[in-house]
Amino acid sequence: MSAADIEAVLGMRVEMHVPMGHPGEGSRGAAGAALDSPGMLARHYAPGTPARLFGLEDWPRVLREDGGSRAVVVARSDLHAPAPHIVLAMPETAEAYAAVLYARLREADAMGAERMLIERLPAGVGGADAALWEAITDRLQRATAE
C-alpha cells in the first residue's frame, strides 16, 4: 500500500518518516534499489546480542567452544546448559513456535548475555506445516545473519 493509497482512505496528506541513522533507513538492497519490504533484507529483526544458529548435533561442541561467556540458548529440544547459561524453551508445533519467536528473541536479548545461541530446526521438519517451518527457518537465518 502506497502513501497515496493511505491518503485516499484518510482524506488527508500522509508523510513517511524514517529516523536518521535508523538501520532500515531507506530500506535499500545491496544495489541501492528500494525494497518492497524491510523483511527482504538479508538481516532482519536481528537481536542486538550477537546470535548464531547451531544444530542439535553440534551442541556438545558449541558448549566446549563457549569460552566461559554467558549465553541465552533458545531451543526447541530439551537441552541442558550449565550455569551461567539460560535456556529459553521454544514450542514444538510450528504455529506455536511462530507465534512466540520474536517475543523470545526480544526476551533473550533483554537478558544481557554476551551471546545468543539459537537451535536450528532439524532437516525434514514439516509435514502439513512444512511451509510454516520453512518460513520460520528463513526468519532464524535472517535474525542471525552477519
Protein backbone atom coordinates (compact mmCIF):
# COMPACT_ATOMS: atom_id res chain seq x y z
CA MET A 1 0.00 0.00 0.00
CA SER A 2 1.45 3.35 -1.01
CA ALA A 3 1.27 6.70 0.79
CA ALA A 4 -1.18 7.83 -1.93
CA ASP A 5 -3.46 4.87 -1.16
CA ILE A 6 -3.42 5.73 2.54
CA GLU A 7 -4.08 9.40 1.78
CA ALA A 8 -7.09 8.41 -0.35
CA VAL A 9 -8.60 6.42 2.52
CA LEU A 10 -7.85 9.01 5.20
CA GLY A 11 -8.67 12.05 3.11
CA MET A 12 -5.54 13.80 4.32
CA ARG A 13 -1.84 14.08 3.46
CA VAL A 14 0.46 11.40 4.86
CA GLU A 15 4.21 11.86 5.32
CA MET A 16 6.63 8.99 5.74
CA HIS A 17 9.20 9.40 8.49
CA VAL A 18 12.33 7.30 8.97
CA PRO A 19 14.55 8.42 11.89
CA MET A 20 18.06 9.45 10.81
CA GLY A 21 20.57 6.69 11.40
CA HIS A 22 17.85 4.05 11.60
CA PRO A 23 19.27 0.67 10.46
CA GLY A 24 16.50 0.28 7.91
CA GLU A 25 16.90 3.82 6.62
CA GLY A 26 15.81 3.88 3.03
CA SER A 27 15.25 0.10 3.02
CA ARG A 28 17.82 -0.31 0.29
CA GLY A 29 19.23 -3.53 -1.01
CA ALA A 30 22.83 -4.21 -1.99
CA ALA A 31 22.47 -2.40 -5.30
CA GLY A 32 20.75 0.56 -3.63
CA ALA A 33 17.35 -0.22 -5.12
CA ALA A 34 14.32 0.26 -2.89
CA LEU A 35 12.95 -2.96 -1.45
CA ASP A 36 9.28 -3.84 -1.26
CA SER A 37 9.69 -4.62 2.44
CA PRO A 38 12.43 -4.38 5.08
CA GLY A 39 11.78 -8.10 5.63
CA MET A 40 13.56 -8.70 2.32
CA LEU A 41 16.88 -7.60 3.82
CA ALA A 42 19.41 -10.38 4.49
CA ARG A 43 19.50 -9.31 8.16
CA HIS A 44 16.07 -8.59 9.60
CA TYR A 45 14.61 -8.47 13.13
CA ALA A 46 18.07 -9.30 14.43
CA PRO A 47 18.68 -9.17 18.16
CA GLY A 48 21.30 -6.75 19.49
CA THR A 49 23.10 -9.61 21.23
CA PRO A 50 25.44 -11.49 18.88
CA ALA A 51 23.43 -14.53 17.81
CA ARG A 52 24.19 -17.72 15.94
CA LEU A 53 22.37 -20.83 14.87
CA PHE A 54 23.58 -24.26 15.92
CA GLY A 55 22.48 -27.76 15.05
CA LEU A 56 21.47 -30.17 17.80
CA GLU A 57 24.30 -32.49 16.72
CA ASP A 58 26.74 -29.59 17.39
CA TRP A 59 25.50 -28.85 20.91
CA PRO A 60 28.39 -30.53 22.81
CA ARG A 61 30.94 -28.71 20.61
CA VAL A 62 29.09 -25.40 21.00
CA LEU A 63 29.30 -25.78 24.78
CA ARG A 64 33.04 -26.63 24.62
CA GLU A 65 33.70 -23.55 22.47
CA ASP A 66 31.89 -21.40 24.99
CA GLY A 67 34.95 -19.75 26.47
CA GLY A 68 33.09 -19.05 29.71
CA SER A 69 30.78 -16.36 28.36
CA ARG A 70 27.15 -16.33 29.45
CA ALA A 71 24.74 -17.32 26.70
CA VAL A 72 20.99 -17.39 26.33
CA VAL A 73 20.02 -20.57 24.49
CA VAL A 74 16.78 -20.54 22.51
CA ALA A 75 15.93 -24.18 21.88
CA ARG A 76 13.12 -26.41 20.71
CA SER A 77 14.87 -29.53 22.04
CA ASP A 78 15.21 -30.37 25.72
CA LEU A 79 18.79 -29.15 26.09
CA HIS A 80 20.82 -28.96 29.26
CA ALA A 81 23.02 -25.90 29.59
CA PRO A 82 25.12 -25.47 32.73
CA ALA A 83 25.18 -22.17 34.61
CA PRO A 84 25.69 -19.34 33.79
CA HIS A 85 23.75 -20.15 30.61
CA ILE A 86 19.99 -19.76 30.45
CA VAL A 87 17.72 -21.88 28.24
CA LEU A 88 14.51 -20.45 26.83
CA ALA A 89 12.29 -23.27 25.60
CA MET A 90 10.50 -22.99 22.29
CA PRO A 91 7.24 -24.77 21.47
CA GLU A 92 7.29 -27.92 19.37
CA THR A 93 4.48 -27.07 16.95
CA ALA A 94 5.09 -24.74 14.02
CA GLU A 95 2.13 -22.50 14.79
CA ALA A 96 3.08 -22.01 18.44
CA TYR A 97 6.77 -21.56 17.56
CA ALA A 98 5.96 -18.87 15.00
CA ALA A 99 3.65 -17.12 17.46
CA VAL A 100 6.36 -16.66 20.13
CA LEU A 101 9.52 -16.42 18.02
CA TYR A 102 10.11 -12.66 18.09
CA ALA A 103 8.95 -12.33 21.70
CA ARG A 104 11.51 -14.98 22.73
CA LEU A 105 14.27 -13.25 20.76
CA ARG A 106 13.45 -9.92 22.45
CA GLU A 107 13.32 -11.66 25.85
CA ALA A 108 16.70 -13.31 25.23
CA ASP A 109 18.15 -10.01 24.04
CA ALA A 110 16.98 -8.26 27.22
CA MET A 111 18.78 -10.77 29.46
CA GLY A 112 22.13 -9.10 28.89
CA ALA A 113 24.08 -12.20 27.93
CA GLU A 114 27.26 -11.98 25.87
CA ARG A 115 25.75 -14.13 23.13
CA MET A 116 22.61 -15.87 21.98
CA LEU A 117 22.56 -19.43 20.68
CA ILE A 118 19.52 -20.45 18.67
CA GLU A 119 18.84 -24.07 17.84
CA ARG A 120 18.50 -24.62 14.10
CA LEU A 121 15.40 -26.55 13.16
CA PRO A 122 16.23 -30.10 12.11
CA ALA A 123 16.07 -31.02 8.42
CA GLY A 124 12.84 -32.68 7.48
CA VAL A 125 10.64 -30.80 9.95
CA GLY A 126 7.48 -30.33 8.04
CA GLY A 127 4.51 -32.47 7.31
CA ALA A 128 1.37 -30.38 6.96
CA ASP A 129 3.29 -27.40 8.42
CA ALA A 130 6.28 -27.62 6.04
CA ALA A 131 5.72 -24.13 4.60
CA LEU A 132 5.46 -22.57 8.05
CA TRP A 133 8.62 -24.34 9.26
CA GLU A 134 10.38 -23.10 6.12
CA ALA A 135 9.28 -19.52 6.89
CA ILE A 136 10.49 -19.89 10.49
CA THR A 137 13.85 -21.17 9.26
CA ASP A 138 14.12 -18.15 6.97
CA ARG A 139 13.40 -15.78 9.88
CA LEU A 140 16.01 -17.50 12.06
CA GLN A 141 18.62 -17.20 9.31
CA ARG A 142 17.82 -13.51 8.84
CA ALA A 143 17.92 -12.86 12.60
CA THR A 144 21.39 -14.39 12.84
CA ALA A 145 22.89 -13.07 9.57
CA GLU A 146 26.21 -11.24 9.85
